[in-house]
């Protein structure tokens, strides 16, 4: 199995995450990946996925992923059934961080219990 085939699921994820300016090379058994993620969340998610395959400190992959928009952690479009608590759990691992998201979106949200599908929310950097 080549290193590239070992990490093919990660390369596919890069496409789904819209990693731009991507470049993938394999040299001496090491897969080298370069690109730009739109947000820190997408970069972090990409890194988690390749560590799931290669372990916490893989020696057969090197990723140099830049972040295009460092002003936010992510931008999330609300889907039906979501709450700020669910969104906070997804991005921060803690539903009680919903207030952080509410405060970052106080220009469009007046009540943390009232969000609507289609709203684009800023997920702030912590």
PDB file of N, CA and C in Angstrom:
ATOM      1  N   UNK A   1       0.848  -1.187   0.000  1.00  0.00           N
ATOM      2  CA  UNK A   1       0.000   0.000   0.000  1.00  0.00           C
ATOM      3  C   UNK A   1       0.887   1.242   0.000  1.00  0.00           C
ATOM      4  N   UNK A   2       0.600   2.149  -0.902  1.00  0.00           N
ATOM      5  CA  UNK A   2       1.352   3.402  -0.936  1.00  0.00           C
ATOM      6  C   UNK A   2       0.832   4.333   0.155  1.00  0.00           C
ATOM      7  N   UNK A   3       1.646   5.296   0.508  1.00  0.00           N
ATOM      8  CA  UNK A   3       1.233   6.267   1.520  1.00  0.00           C
ATOM      9  C   UNK A   3       0.019   7.042   1.019  1.00  0.00           C
ATOM     10  N   UNK A   4       0.019   7.361  -0.249  1.00  0.00           N
ATOM     11  CA  UNK A   4      -1.115   8.107  -0.807  1.00  0.00           C
ATOM     12  C   UNK A   4      -2.407   7.309  -0.682  1.00  0.00           C
ATOM     13  N   UNK A   5      -2.358   6.023  -0.967  1.00  0.00           N
ATOM     14  CA  UNK A   5      -3.579   5.221  -0.849  1.00  0.00           C
ATOM     15  C   UNK A   5      -3.995   5.062   0.617  1.00  0.00           C
ATOM     16  N   UNK A   6      -3.022   5.018   1.521  1.00  0.00           N
ATOM     17  CA  UNK A   6      -3.328   4.930   2.953  1.00  0.00           C
ATOM     18  C   UNK A   6      -4.149   6.138   3.400  1.00  0.00           C
ATOM     19  N   UNK A   7      -3.806   7.314   2.872  1.00  0.00           N
ATOM     20  CA  UNK A   7      -4.463   8.558   3.278  1.00  0.00           C
ATOM     21  C   UNK A   7      -5.492   9.062   2.252  1.00  0.00           C
ATOM     22  N   UNK A   8      -5.944   8.195   1.358  1.00  0.00           N
ATOM     23  CA  UNK A   8      -6.885   8.626   0.328  1.00  0.00           C
ATOM     24  C   UNK A   8      -8.154   9.234   0.923  1.00  0.00           C
ATOM     25  N   UNK A   9      -8.636   8.697   2.031  1.00  0.00           N
ATOM     26  CA  UNK A   9      -9.836   9.252   2.674  1.00  0.00           C
ATOM     27  C   UNK A   9      -9.593  10.694   3.123  1.00  0.00           C
ATOM     28  N   UNK A  10      -8.378  10.994   3.552  1.00  0.00           N
ATOM     29  CA  UNK A  10      -8.028  12.358   3.966  1.00  0.00           C
ATOM     30  C   UNK A  10      -7.968  13.270   2.743  1.00  0.00           C
ATOM     31  N   UNK A  11      -7.403  12.775   1.663  1.00  0.00           N
ATOM     32  CA  UNK A  11      -7.342  13.576   0.437  1.00  0.00           C
ATOM     33  C   UNK A  11      -8.751  13.862  -0.080  1.00  0.00           C
ATOM     34  N   UNK A  12      -9.634  12.871   0.007  1.00  0.00           N
ATOM     35  CA  UNK A  12     -11.024  13.073  -0.391  1.00  0.00           C
ATOM     36  C   UNK A  12     -11.695  14.113   0.505  1.00  0.00           C
ATOM     37  N   UNK A  13     -11.394  14.050   1.795  1.00  0.00           N
ATOM     38  CA  UNK A  13     -11.948  15.030   2.735  1.00  0.00           C
ATOM     39  C   UNK A  13     -11.475  16.433   2.377  1.00  0.00           C
ATOM     40  N   UNK A  14     -10.240  16.575   1.965  1.00  0.00           N
ATOM     41  CA  UNK A  14      -9.723  17.880   1.554  1.00  0.00           C
ATOM     42  C   UNK A  14     -10.572  18.487   0.449  1.00  0.00           C
ATOM     43  N   UNK A  15     -11.019  17.666  -0.468  1.00  0.00           N
ATOM     44  CA  UNK A  15     -11.911  18.142  -1.525  1.00  0.00           C
ATOM     45  C   UNK A  15     -13.260  18.571  -0.978  1.00  0.00           C
ATOM     46  N   UNK A  16     -13.807  17.773  -0.068  1.00  0.00           N
ATOM     47  CA  UNK A  16     -15.108  18.098   0.526  1.00  0.00           C
ATOM     48  C   UNK A  16     -15.041  19.381   1.364  1.00  0.00           C
ATOM     49  N   UNK A  17     -13.890  19.613   1.984  1.00  0.00           N
ATOM     50  CA  UNK A  17     -13.708  20.824   2.800  1.00  0.00           C
ATOM     51  C   UNK A  17     -13.303  22.025   1.956  1.00  0.00           C
ATOM     52  N   UNK A  18     -13.167  21.818   0.655  1.00  0.00           N
ATOM     53  CA  UNK A  18     -12.785  22.872  -0.285  1.00  0.00           C
ATOM     54  C   UNK A  18     -11.428  23.476   0.054  1.00  0.00           C
ATOM     55  N   UNK A  19     -10.469  22.607   0.378  1.00  0.00           N
ATOM     56  CA  UNK A  19      -9.094  23.067   0.595  1.00  0.00           C
ATOM     57  C   UNK A  19      -8.588  23.564  -0.762  1.00  0.00           C
ATOM     58  N   UNK A  20      -8.219  24.824  -0.824  1.00  0.00           N
ATOM     59  CA  UNK A  20      -7.801  25.461  -2.083  1.00  0.00           C
ATOM     60  C   UNK A  20      -6.293  25.362  -2.261  1.00  0.00           C
ATOM     61  N   UNK A  21      -5.869  25.604  -3.496  1.00  0.00           N
ATOM     62  CA  UNK A  21      -4.440  25.634  -3.830  1.00  0.00           C
ATOM     63  C   UNK A  21      -3.730  24.376  -3.338  1.00  0.00           C
ATOM     64  N   UNK A  22      -4.453  23.257  -3.400  1.00  0.00           N
ATOM     65  CA  UNK A  22      -3.915  22.004  -2.892  1.00  0.00           C
ATOM     66  C   UNK A  22      -2.817  21.432  -3.758  1.00  0.00           C
ATOM     67  N   UNK A  23      -1.849  20.832  -3.104  1.00  0.00           N
ATOM     68  CA  UNK A  23      -0.759  20.171  -3.783  1.00  0.00           C
ATOM     69  C   UNK A  23      -0.381  18.950  -2.954  1.00  0.00           C
ATOM     70  N   UNK A  24      -0.313  17.806  -3.598  1.00  0.00           N
ATOM     71  CA  UNK A  24       0.021  16.564  -2.909  1.00  0.00           C
ATOM     72  C   UNK A  24       1.192  15.909  -3.635  1.00  0.00           C
ATOM     73  N   UNK A  25       2.249  15.623  -2.881  1.00  0.00           N
ATOM     74  CA  UNK A  25       3.392  14.897  -3.435  1.00  0.00           C
ATOM     75  C   UNK A  25       3.785  13.795  -2.464  1.00  0.00           C
ATOM     76  N   UNK A  26       4.429  12.781  -3.004  1.00  0.00           N
ATOM     77  CA  UNK A  26       4.936  11.697  -2.175  1.00  0.00           C
ATOM     78  C   UNK A  26       6.426  11.573  -2.421  1.00  0.00           C
ATOM     79  N   UNK A  27       7.214  11.718  -1.357  1.00  0.00           N
ATOM     80  CA  UNK A  27       8.666  11.648  -1.468  1.00  0.00           C
ATOM     81  C   UNK A  27       9.226  10.752  -0.369  1.00  0.00           C
ATOM     82  N   UNK A  28       9.954   9.743  -0.763  1.00  0.00           N
ATOM     83  CA  UNK A  28      10.610   8.835   0.191  1.00  0.00           C
ATOM     84  C   UNK A  28       9.654   8.289   1.246  1.00  0.00           C
ATOM     85  N   UNK A  29       8.473   7.905   0.808  1.00  0.00           N
ATOM     86  CA  UNK A  29       7.506   7.315   1.732  1.00  0.00           C
ATOM     87  C   UNK A  29       6.782   8.303   2.617  1.00  0.00           C
ATOM     88  N   UNK A  30       6.893   9.604   2.299  1.00  0.00           N
ATOM     89  CA  UNK A  30       6.201  10.641   3.079  1.00  0.00           C
ATOM     90  C   UNK A  30       5.260  11.399   2.145  1.00  0.00           C
ATOM     91  N   UNK A  31       4.004  11.484   2.548  1.00  0.00           N
ATOM     92  CA  UNK A  31       3.015  12.239   1.790  1.00  0.00           C
ATOM     93  C   UNK A  31       3.059  13.683   2.263  1.00  0.00           C
ATOM     94  N   UNK A  32       3.252  14.601   1.304  1.00  0.00           N
ATOM     95  CA  UNK A  32       3.329  16.026   1.631  1.00  0.00           C
ATOM     96  C   UNK A  32       2.109  16.717   1.034  1.00  0.00           C
ATOM     97  N   UNK A  33       1.372  17.390   1.907  1.00  0.00           N
ATOM     98  CA  UNK A  33       0.140  18.054   1.496  1.00  0.00           C
ATOM     99  C   UNK A  33       0.252  19.541   1.804  1.00  0.00           C
ATOM    100  N   UNK A  34      -0.080  20.361   0.818  1.00  0.00           N
ATOM    101  CA  UNK A  34      -0.122  21.814   1.003  1.00  0.00           C
ATOM    102  C   UNK A  34      -1.484  22.295   0.551  1.00  0.00           C
ATOM    103  N   UNK A  35      -1.952  23.387   1.148  1.00  0.00           N
ATOM    104  CA  UNK A  35      -3.214  23.970   0.727  1.00  0.00           C
ATOM    105  C   UNK A  35      -3.671  25.045   1.680  1.00  0.00           C
ATOM    106  N   UNK A  36      -4.854  25.591   1.391  1.00  0.00           N
ATOM    107  CA  UNK A  36      -5.428  26.647   2.215  1.00  0.00           C
ATOM    108  C   UNK A  36      -6.871  26.296   2.549  1.00  0.00           C
ATOM    109  N   UNK A  37      -7.161  26.216   3.834  1.00  0.00           N
ATOM    110  CA  UNK A  37      -8.524  25.986   4.316  1.00  0.00           C
ATOM    111  C   UNK A  37      -9.182  27.345   4.530  1.00  0.00           C
ATOM    112  N   UNK A  38     -10.478  27.408   4.340  1.00  0.00           N
ATOM    113  CA  UNK A  38     -11.198  28.667   4.530  1.00  0.00           C
ATOM    114  C   UNK A  38     -11.138  29.130   5.982  1.00  0.00           C
ATOM    115  N   UNK A  39     -11.305  28.195   6.942  1.00  0.00           N
ATOM    116  CA  UNK A  39     -11.337  28.568   8.360  1.00  0.00           C
ATOM    117  C   UNK A  39     -10.458  27.627   9.189  1.00  0.00           C
ATOM    118  N   UNK A  40     -10.175  28.039  10.405  1.00  0.00           N
ATOM    119  CA  UNK A  40      -9.392  27.212  11.328  1.00  0.00           C
ATOM    120  C   UNK A  40     -10.103  25.899  11.619  1.00  0.00           C
ATOM    121  N   UNK A  41     -11.431  25.923  11.710  1.00  0.00           N
ATOM    122  CA  UNK A  41     -12.186  24.693  11.959  1.00  0.00           C
ATOM    123  C   UNK A  41     -11.893  23.654  10.883  1.00  0.00           C
ATOM    124  N   UNK A  42     -11.907  24.066   9.622  1.00  0.00           N
ATOM    125  CA  UNK A  42     -11.661  23.127   8.532  1.00  0.00           C
ATOM    126  C   UNK A  42     -10.234  22.582   8.589  1.00  0.00           C
ATOM    127  N   UNK A  43      -9.280  23.426   8.942  1.00  0.00           N
ATOM    128  CA  UNK A  43      -7.901  22.964   9.083  1.00  0.00           C
ATOM    129  C   UNK A  43      -7.793  21.960  10.229  1.00  0.00           C
ATOM    130  N   UNK A  44      -8.414  22.279  11.350  1.00  0.00           N
ATOM    131  CA  UNK A  44      -8.378  21.398  12.517  1.00  0.00           C
ATOM    132  C   UNK A  44      -9.037  20.058  12.212  1.00  0.00           C
ATOM    133  N   UNK A  45     -10.200  20.094  11.571  1.00  0.00           N
ATOM    134  CA  UNK A  45     -10.931  18.876  11.211  1.00  0.00           C
ATOM    135  C   UNK A  45     -10.080  18.002  10.286  1.00  0.00           C
ATOM    136  N   UNK A  46      -9.426  18.611   9.322  1.00  0.00           N
ATOM    137  CA  UNK A  46      -8.538  17.897   8.402  1.00  0.00           C
ATOM    138  C   UNK A  46      -7.421  17.202   9.188  1.00  0.00           C
ATOM    139  N   UNK A  47      -6.807  17.923  10.122  1.00  0.00           N
ATOM    140  CA  UNK A  47      -5.727  17.358  10.935  1.00  0.00           C
ATOM    141  C   UNK A  47      -6.177  16.203  11.804  1.00  0.00           C
ATOM    142  N   UNK A  48      -7.360  16.316  12.382  1.00  0.00           N
ATOM    143  CA  UNK A  48      -7.903  15.225  13.201  1.00  0.00           C
ATOM    144  C   UNK A  48      -8.048  13.965  12.357  1.00  0.00           C
ATOM    145  N   UNK A  49      -8.528  14.125  11.140  1.00  0.00           N
ATOM    146  CA  UNK A  49      -8.773  12.969  10.283  1.00  0.00           C
ATOM    147  C   UNK A  49      -7.484  12.263   9.879  1.00  0.00           C
ATOM    148  N   UNK A  50      -6.417  13.019   9.566  1.00  0.00           N
ATOM    149  CA  UNK A  50      -5.204  12.291   9.183  1.00  0.00           C
ATOM    150  C   UNK A  50      -4.523  11.669  10.395  1.00  0.00           C
ATOM    151  N   UNK A  51      -4.741  12.228  11.578  1.00  0.00           N
ATOM    152  CA  UNK A  51      -4.185  11.606  12.788  1.00  0.00           C
ATOM    153  C   UNK A  51      -4.955  10.342  13.161  1.00  0.00           C
ATOM    154  N   UNK A  52      -6.242  10.274  12.797  1.00  0.00           N
ATOM    155  CA  UNK A  52      -7.017   9.048  13.033  1.00  0.00           C
ATOM    156  C   UNK A  52      -6.431   7.883  12.234  1.00  0.00           C
ATOM    157  N   UNK A  53      -5.920   8.175  11.057  1.00  0.00           N
ATOM    158  CA  UNK A  53      -5.358   7.121  10.213  1.00  0.00           C
ATOM    159  C   UNK A  53      -3.906   6.823  10.589  1.00  0.00           C
ATOM    160  N   UNK A  54      -3.113   7.865  10.809  1.00  0.00           N
ATOM    161  CA  UNK A  54      -1.673   7.685  10.990  1.00  0.00           C
ATOM    162  C   UNK A  54      -1.179   7.709  12.416  1.00  0.00           C
ATOM    163  N   UNK A  55      -2.000   7.889  13.374  1.00  0.00           N
ATOM    164  CA  UNK A  55      -1.755   8.020  14.820  1.00  0.00           C
ATOM    165  C   UNK A  55      -1.495   9.479  15.176  1.00  0.00           C
ATOM    166  N   UNK A  56      -1.295   9.753  16.430  1.00  0.00           N
ATOM    167  CA  UNK A  56      -1.200  11.138  16.913  1.00  0.00           C
ATOM    168  C   UNK A  56      -0.049  11.922  16.281  1.00  0.00           C
ATOM    169  N   UNK A  57       1.069  11.272  16.030  1.00  0.00           N
ATOM    170  CA  UNK A  57       2.230  11.940  15.412  1.00  0.00           C
ATOM    171  C   UNK A  57       2.731  11.111  14.240  1.00  0.00           C
ATOM    172  N   UNK A  58       1.978  11.102  13.144  1.00  0.00           N
ATOM    173  CA  UNK A  58       2.395  10.269  12.012  1.00  0.00           C
ATOM    174  C   UNK A  58       3.686  10.779  11.378  1.00  0.00           C
ATOM    175  N   UNK A  59       4.553   9.841  11.011  1.00  0.00           N
ATOM    176  CA  UNK A  59       5.817  10.218  10.388  1.00  0.00           C
ATOM    177  C   UNK A  59       5.754  10.094   8.867  1.00  0.00           C
ATOM    178  N   UNK A  60       4.631   9.590   8.347  1.00  0.00           N
ATOM    179  CA  UNK A  60       4.527   9.380   6.906  1.00  0.00           C
ATOM    180  C   UNK A  60       3.633  10.406   6.214  1.00  0.00           C
ATOM    181  N   UNK A  61       3.295  11.480   6.925  1.00  0.00           N
ATOM    182  CA  UNK A  61       2.503  12.549   6.326  1.00  0.00           C
ATOM    183  C   UNK A  61       2.909  13.884   6.936  1.00  0.00           C
ATOM    184  N   UNK A  62       3.037  14.894   6.082  1.00  0.00           N
ATOM    185  CA  UNK A  62       3.331  16.256   6.522  1.00  0.00           C
ATOM    186  C   UNK A  62       2.315  17.157   5.840  1.00  0.00           C
ATOM    187  N   UNK A  63       1.549  17.879   6.644  1.00  0.00           N
ATOM    188  CA  UNK A  63       0.534  18.771   6.086  1.00  0.00           C
ATOM    189  C   UNK A  63       0.881  20.214   6.424  1.00  0.00           C
ATOM    190  N   UNK A  64       0.913  21.038   5.397  1.00  0.00           N
ATOM    191  CA  UNK A  64       1.134  22.472   5.566  1.00  0.00           C
ATOM    192  C   UNK A  64      -0.128  23.162   5.043  1.00  0.00           C
ATOM    193  N   UNK A  65      -1.104  23.308   5.949  1.00  0.00           N
ATOM    194  CA  UNK A  65      -2.390  23.895   5.584  1.00  0.00           C
ATOM    195  C   UNK A  65      -2.481  25.286   6.202  1.00  0.00           C
ATOM    196  N   UNK A  66      -2.664  26.272   5.367  1.00  0.00           N
ATOM    197  CA  UNK A  66      -2.833  27.650   5.827  1.00  0.00           C
ATOM    198  C   UNK A  66      -4.328  27.914   6.020  1.00  0.00           C
ATOM    199  N   UNK A  67      -4.647  29.033   6.670  1.00  0.00           N
ATOM    200  CA  UNK A  67      -6.041  29.411   6.900  1.00  0.00           C
ATOM    201  C   UNK A  67      -6.296  30.759   6.228  1.00  0.00           C
ATOM    202  N   UNK A  68      -7.329  30.809   5.385  1.00  0.00           N
ATOM    203  CA  UNK A  68      -7.649  32.036   4.647  1.00  0.00           C
ATOM    204  C   UNK A  68      -8.296  33.095   5.536  1.00  0.00           C
ATOM    205  N   UNK A  69      -9.236  32.699   6.393  1.00  0.00           N
ATOM    206  CA  UNK A  69      -9.975  33.648   7.234  1.00  0.00           C
ATOM    207  C   UNK A  69      -9.696  33.357   8.695  1.00  0.00           C
ATOM    208  N   UNK A  70      -8.763  34.081   9.282  1.00  0.00           N
ATOM    209  CA  UNK A  70      -8.407  33.857  10.686  1.00  0.00           C
ATOM    210  C   UNK A  70      -9.248  34.694  11.647  1.00  0.00           C
ATOM    211  N   UNK A  71     -10.169  35.494  11.116  1.00  0.00           N
ATOM    212  CA  UNK A  71     -10.987  36.358  11.974  1.00  0.00           C
ATOM    213  C   UNK A  71     -12.052  35.572  12.735  1.00  0.00           C
ATOM    214  N   UNK A  72     -12.363  34.354  12.264  1.00  0.00           N
ATOM    215  CA  UNK A  72     -13.368  33.507  12.910  1.00  0.00           C
ATOM    216  C   UNK A  72     -12.843  32.080  12.951  1.00  0.00           C
ATOM    217  N   UNK A  73     -13.434  31.268  13.822  1.00  0.00           N
ATOM    218  CA  UNK A  73     -13.106  29.848  13.845  1.00  0.00           C
ATOM    219  C   UNK A  73     -13.810  29.148  12.682  1.00  0.00           C
ATOM    220  N   UNK A  74     -15.063  29.559  12.436  1.00  0.00           N
ATOM    221  CA  UNK A  74     -15.833  28.999  11.332  1.00  0.00           C
ATOM    222  C   UNK A  74     -17.077  29.852  11.108  1.00  0.00           C
ATOM    223  N   UNK A  75     -17.732  29.624   9.990  1.00  0.00           N
ATOM    224  CA  UNK A  75     -19.040  30.213   9.703  1.00  0.00           C
ATOM    225  C   UNK A  75     -19.977  29.039   9.466  1.00  0.00           C
ATOM    226  N   UNK A  76     -21.058  28.991  10.218  1.00  0.00           N
ATOM    227  CA  UNK A  76     -21.972  27.855  10.174  1.00  0.00           C
ATOM    228  C   UNK A  76     -23.349  28.303   9.714  1.00  0.00           C
ATOM    229  N   UNK A  77     -23.948  27.565   8.797  1.00  0.00           N
ATOM    230  CA  UNK A  77     -25.314  27.837   8.377  1.00  0.00           C
ATOM    231  C   UNK A  77     -26.237  26.931   9.169  1.00  0.00           C
ATOM    232  N   UNK A  78     -27.166  27.523   9.901  1.00  0.00           N
ATOM    233  CA  UNK A  78     -28.097  26.795  10.764  1.00  0.00           C
ATOM    234  C   UNK A  78     -28.974  25.880   9.916  1.00  0.00           C
ATOM    235  N   UNK A  79     -29.149  24.636  10.398  1.00  0.00           N
ATOM    236  CA  UNK A  79     -30.076  23.711   9.757  1.00  0.00           C
ATOM    237  C   UNK A  79     -31.223  23.420  10.725  1.00  0.00           C
ATOM    238  N   UNK A  80     -32.317  22.953  10.188  1.00  0.00           N
ATOM    239  CA  UNK A  80     -33.512  22.678  10.982  1.00  0.00           C
ATOM    240  C   UNK A  80     -33.192  21.748  12.148  1.00  0.00           C
ATOM    241  N   UNK A  81     -33.691  22.093  13.321  1.00  0.00           N
ATOM    242  CA  UNK A  81     -33.499  21.276  14.514  1.00  0.00           C
ATOM    243  C   UNK A  81     -32.283  21.634  15.344  1.00  0.00           C
ATOM    244  N   UNK A  82     -31.440  22.516  14.848  1.00  0.00           N
ATOM    245  CA  UNK A  82     -30.248  22.891  15.617  1.00  0.00           C
ATOM    246  C   UNK A  82     -30.596  23.903  16.701  1.00  0.00           C
ATOM    247  N   UNK A  83     -29.774  23.901  17.727  1.00  0.00           N
ATOM    248  CA  UNK A  83     -29.816  24.909  18.785  1.00  0.00           C
ATOM    249  C   UNK A  83     -28.406  25.455  18.935  1.00  0.00           C
ATOM    250  N   UNK A  84     -28.273  26.575  19.612  1.00  0.00           N
ATOM    251  CA  UNK A  84     -26.922  27.097  19.849  1.00  0.00           C
ATOM    252  C   UNK A  84     -26.102  26.108  20.678  1.00  0.00           C
ATOM    253  N   UNK A  85     -26.759  25.389  21.580  1.00  0.00           N
ATOM    254  CA  UNK A  85     -26.068  24.375  22.379  1.00  0.00           C
ATOM    255  C   UNK A  85     -25.495  23.258  21.516  1.00  0.00           C
ATOM    256  N   UNK A  86     -26.284  22.776  20.559  1.00  0.00           N
ATOM    257  CA  UNK A  86     -25.798  21.722  19.653  1.00  0.00           C
ATOM    258  C   UNK A  86     -24.637  22.232  18.805  1.00  0.00           C
ATOM    259  N   UNK A  87     -24.761  23.470  18.345  1.00  0.00           N
ATOM    260  CA  UNK A  87     -23.696  24.050  17.530  1.00  0.00           C
ATOM    261  C   UNK A  87     -22.427  24.221  18.367  1.00  0.00           C
ATOM    262  N   UNK A  88     -22.582  24.687  19.601  1.00  0.00           N
ATOM    263  CA  UNK A  88     -21.430  24.846  20.495  1.00  0.00           C
ATOM    264  C   UNK A  88     -20.759  23.504  20.773  1.00  0.00           C
ATOM    265  N   UNK A  89     -21.555  22.464  20.953  1.00  0.00           N
ATOM    266  CA  UNK A  89     -20.984  21.133  21.184  1.00  0.00           C
ATOM    267  C   UNK A  89     -20.207  20.666  19.963  1.00  0.00           C
ATOM    268  N   UNK A  90     -20.726  20.923  18.766  1.00  0.00           N
ATOM    269  CA  UNK A  90     -20.049  20.512  17.536  1.00  0.00           C
ATOM    270  C   UNK A  90     -18.688  21.185  17.391  1.00  0.00           C
ATOM    271  N   UNK A  91     -18.638  22.481  17.630  1.00  0.00           N
ATOM    272  CA  UNK A  91     -17.392  23.219  17.371  1.00  0.00           C
ATOM    273  C   UNK A  91     -16.463  23.307  18.568  1.00  0.00           C
ATOM    274  N   UNK A  92     -17.018  23.332  19.771  1.00  0.00           N
ATOM    275  CA  UNK A  92     -16.189  23.510  20.966  1.00  0.00           C
ATOM    276  C   UNK A  92     -16.188  22.295  21.893  1.00  0.00           C
ATOM    277  N   UNK A  93     -17.032  21.310  21.590  1.00  0.00           N
ATOM    278  CA  UNK A  93     -17.111  20.128  22.438  1.00  0.00           C
ATOM    279  C   UNK A  93     -17.853  20.362  23.730  1.00  0.00           C
ATOM    280  N   UNK A  94     -18.507  21.515  23.854  1.00  0.00           N
ATOM    281  CA  UNK A  94     -19.164  21.885  25.108  1.00  0.00           C
ATOM    282  C   UNK A  94     -20.412  22.719  24.803  1.00  0.00           C
ATOM    283  N   UNK A  95     -21.608  22.158  25.044  1.00  0.00           N
ATOM    284  CA  UNK A  95     -22.827  22.899  24.721  1.00  0.00           C
ATOM    285  C   UNK A  95     -23.006  24.180  25.539  1.00  0.00           C
ATOM    286  N   UNK A  96     -22.380  24.262  26.701  1.00  0.00           N
ATOM    287  CA  UNK A  96     -22.552  25.469  27.519  1.00  0.00           C
ATOM    288  C   UNK A  96     -21.812  26.679  26.934  1.00  0.00           C
ATOM    289  N   UNK A  97     -21.026  26.477  25.900  1.00  0.00           N
ATOM    290  CA  UNK A  97     -20.346  27.591  25.220  1.00  0.00           C
ATOM    291  C   UNK A  97     -21.279  28.312  24.246  1.00  0.00           C
ATOM    292  N   UNK A  98     -22.572  27.970  24.271  1.00  0.00           N
ATOM    293  CA  UNK A  98     -23.532  28.600  23.354  1.00  0.00           C
ATOM    294  C   UNK A  98     -23.558  30.114  23.524  1.00  0.00           C
ATOM    295  N   UNK A  99     -23.301  30.610  24.730  1.00  0.00           N
ATOM    296  CA  UNK A  99     -23.303  32.057  24.974  1.00  0.00           C
ATOM    297  C   UNK A  99     -22.213  32.758  24.157  1.00  0.00           C
ATOM    298  N   UNK A 100     -21.089  32.076  23.973  1.00  0.00           N
ATOM    299  CA  UNK A 100     -19.997  32.640  23.176  1.00  0.00           C
ATOM    300  C   UNK A 100     -20.465  32.867  21.739  1.00  0.00           C
ATOM    301  N   UNK A 101     -21.194  31.891  21.206  1.00  0.00           N
ATOM    302  CA  UNK A 101     -21.718  32.017  19.841  1.00  0.00           C
ATOM    303  C   UNK A 101     -22.803  33.089  19.797  1.00  0.00           C
ATOM    304  N   UNK A 102     -23.659  33.111  20.806  1.00  0.00           N
ATOM    305  CA  UNK A 102     -24.724  34.117  20.863  1.00  0.00           C
ATOM    306  C   UNK A 102     -24.134  35.527  20.864  1.00  0.00           C
ATOM    307  N   UNK A 103     -23.140  35.755  21.695  1.00  0.00           N
ATOM    308  CA  UNK A 103     -22.524  37.091  21.772  1.00  0.00           C
ATOM    309  C   UNK A 103     -21.866  37.490  20.458  1.00  0.00           C
ATOM    310  N   UNK A 104     -21.252  36.529  19.784  1.00  0.00           N
ATOM    311  CA  UNK A 104     -20.582  36.829  18.512  1.00  0.00           C
ATOM    312  C   UNK A 104     -21.587  37.161  17.405  1.00  0.00           C
ATOM    313  N   UNK A 105     -22.855  36.809  17.618  1.00  0.00           N
ATOM    314  CA  UNK A 105     -23.887  37.017  16.605  1.00  0.00           C
ATOM    315  C   UNK A 105     -25.011  37.918  17.111  1.00  0.00           C
ATOM    316  N   UNK A 106     -24.697  38.766  18.082  1.00  0.00           N
ATOM    317  CA  UNK A 106     -25.725  39.621  18.693  1.00  0.00           C
ATOM    318  C   UNK A 106     -26.331  40.610  17.693  1.00  0.00           C
ATOM    319  N   UNK A 107     -25.672  40.814  16.580  1.00  0.00           N
ATOM    320  CA  UNK A 107     -26.240  41.703  15.560  1.00  0.00           C
ATOM    321  C   UNK A 107     -27.433  41.065  14.850  1.00  0.00           C
ATOM    322  N   UNK A 108     -27.488  39.726  14.803  1.00  0.00           N
ATOM    323  CA  UNK A 108     -28.617  39.063  14.142  1.00  0.00           C
ATOM    324  C   UNK A 108     -29.476  38.233  15.094  1.00  0.00           C
ATOM    325  N   UNK A 109     -28.946  37.923  16.275  1.00  0.00           N
ATOM    326  CA  UNK A 109     -29.706  37.139  17.250  1.00  0.00           C
ATOM    327  C   UNK A 109     -30.093  38.013  18.436  1.00  0.00           C
ATOM    328  N   UNK A 110     -31.358  37.973  18.791  1.00  0.00           N
ATOM    329  CA  UNK A 110     -31.831  38.742  19.945  1.00  0.00           C
ATOM    330  C   UNK A 110     -32.127  37.842  21.140  1.00  0.00           C
ATOM    331  N   UNK A 111     -32.259  36.534  20.881  1.00  0.00           N
ATOM    332  CA  UNK A 111     -32.585  35.571  21.922  1.00  0.00           C
ATOM    333  C   UNK A 111     -31.821  34.282  21.595  1.00  0.00           C
ATOM    334  N   UNK A 112     -31.062  33.731  22.546  1.00  0.00           N
ATOM    335  CA  UNK A 112     -30.283  32.526  22.247  1.00  0.00           C
ATOM    336  C   UNK A 112     -31.148  31.299  21.946  1.00  0.00           C
ATOM    337  N   UNK A 113     -32.419  31.364  22.278  1.00  0.00           N
ATOM    338  CA  UNK A 113     -33.314  30.238  22.015  1.00  0.00           C
ATOM    339  C   UNK A 113     -34.011  30.344  20.667  1.00  0.00           C
ATOM    340  N   UNK A 114     -33.765  31.426  19.933  1.00  0.00           N
ATOM    341  CA  UNK A 114     -34.429  31.624  18.646  1.00  0.00           C
ATOM    342  C   UNK A 114     -33.414  31.763  17.524  1.00  0.00           C
ATOM    343  N   UNK A 115     -33.109  30.640  16.886  1.00  0.00           N
ATOM    344  CA  UNK A 115     -32.289  30.664  15.681  1.00  0.00           C
ATOM    345  C   UNK A 115     -33.111  29.999  14.579  1.00  0.00           C
ATOM    346  N   UNK A 116     -32.810  30.328  13.343  1.00  0.00           N
ATOM    347  CA  UNK A 116     -33.624  29.858  12.228  1.00  0.00           C
ATOM    348  C   UNK A 116     -32.760  29.228  11.144  1.00  0.00           C
ATOM    349  N   UNK A 117     -33.280  28.162  10.519  1.00  0.00           N
ATOM    350  CA  UNK A 117     -32.545  27.548   9.405  1.00  0.00           C
ATOM    351  C   UNK A 117     -32.183  28.590   8.354  1.00  0.00           C
ATOM    352  N   UNK A 118     -30.971  28.476   7.864  1.00  0.00           N
ATOM    353  CA  UNK A 118     -30.484  29.393   6.836  1.00  0.00           C
ATOM    354  C   UNK A 118     -29.670  30.555   7.384  1.00  0.00           C
ATOM    355  N   UNK A 119     -29.772  30.829   8.684  1.00  0.00           N
ATOM    356  CA  UNK A 119     -28.959  31.910   9.251  1.00  0.00           C
ATOM    357  C   UNK A 119     -27.489  31.488   9.233  1.00  0.00           C
ATOM    358  N   UNK A 120     -26.620  32.410   8.846  1.00  0.00           N
ATOM    359  CA  UNK A 120     -25.190  32.129   8.902  1.00  0.00           C
ATOM    360  C   UNK A 120     -24.652  32.726  10.197  1.00  0.00           C
ATOM    361  N   UNK A 121     -24.099  31.868  11.038  1.00  0.00           N
ATOM    362  CA  UNK A 121     -23.579  32.288  12.331  1.00  0.00           C
ATOM    363  C   UNK A 121     -22.055  32.276  12.325  1.00  0.00           C
ATOM    364  N   UNK A 122     -21.493  33.250  12.975  1.00  0.00           N
ATOM    365  CA  UNK A 122     -20.046  33.275  13.203  1.00  0.00           C
ATOM    366  C   UNK A 122     -19.746  32.390  14.402  1.00  0.00           C
ATOM    367  N   UNK A 123     -18.811  31.489  14.220  1.00  0.00           N
ATOM    368  CA  UNK A 123     -18.296  30.686  15.325  1.00  0.00           C
ATOM    369  C   UNK A 123     -16.954  31.335  15.668  1.00  0.00           C
ATOM    370  N   UNK A 124     -16.899  32.034  16.791  1.00  0.00           N
ATOM    371  CA  UNK A 124     -15.699  32.824  17.086  1.00  0.00           C
ATOM    372  C   UNK A 124     -14.501  31.964  17.522  1.00  0.00           C
ATOM    373  N   UNK A 125     -13.333  32.528  17.366  1.00  0.00           N
ATOM    374  CA  UNK A 125     -12.131  31.904  17.930  1.00  0.00           C
ATOM    375  C   UNK A 125     -12.243  31.983  19.436  1.00  0.00           C
ATOM    376  N   UNK A 126     -11.805  30.952  20.119  1.00  0.00           N
ATOM    377  CA  UNK A 126     -11.807  30.988  21.590  1.00  0.00           C
ATOM    378  C   UNK A 126     -10.481  31.472  22.097  1.00  0.00           C
TER     379      UNK A 126
END
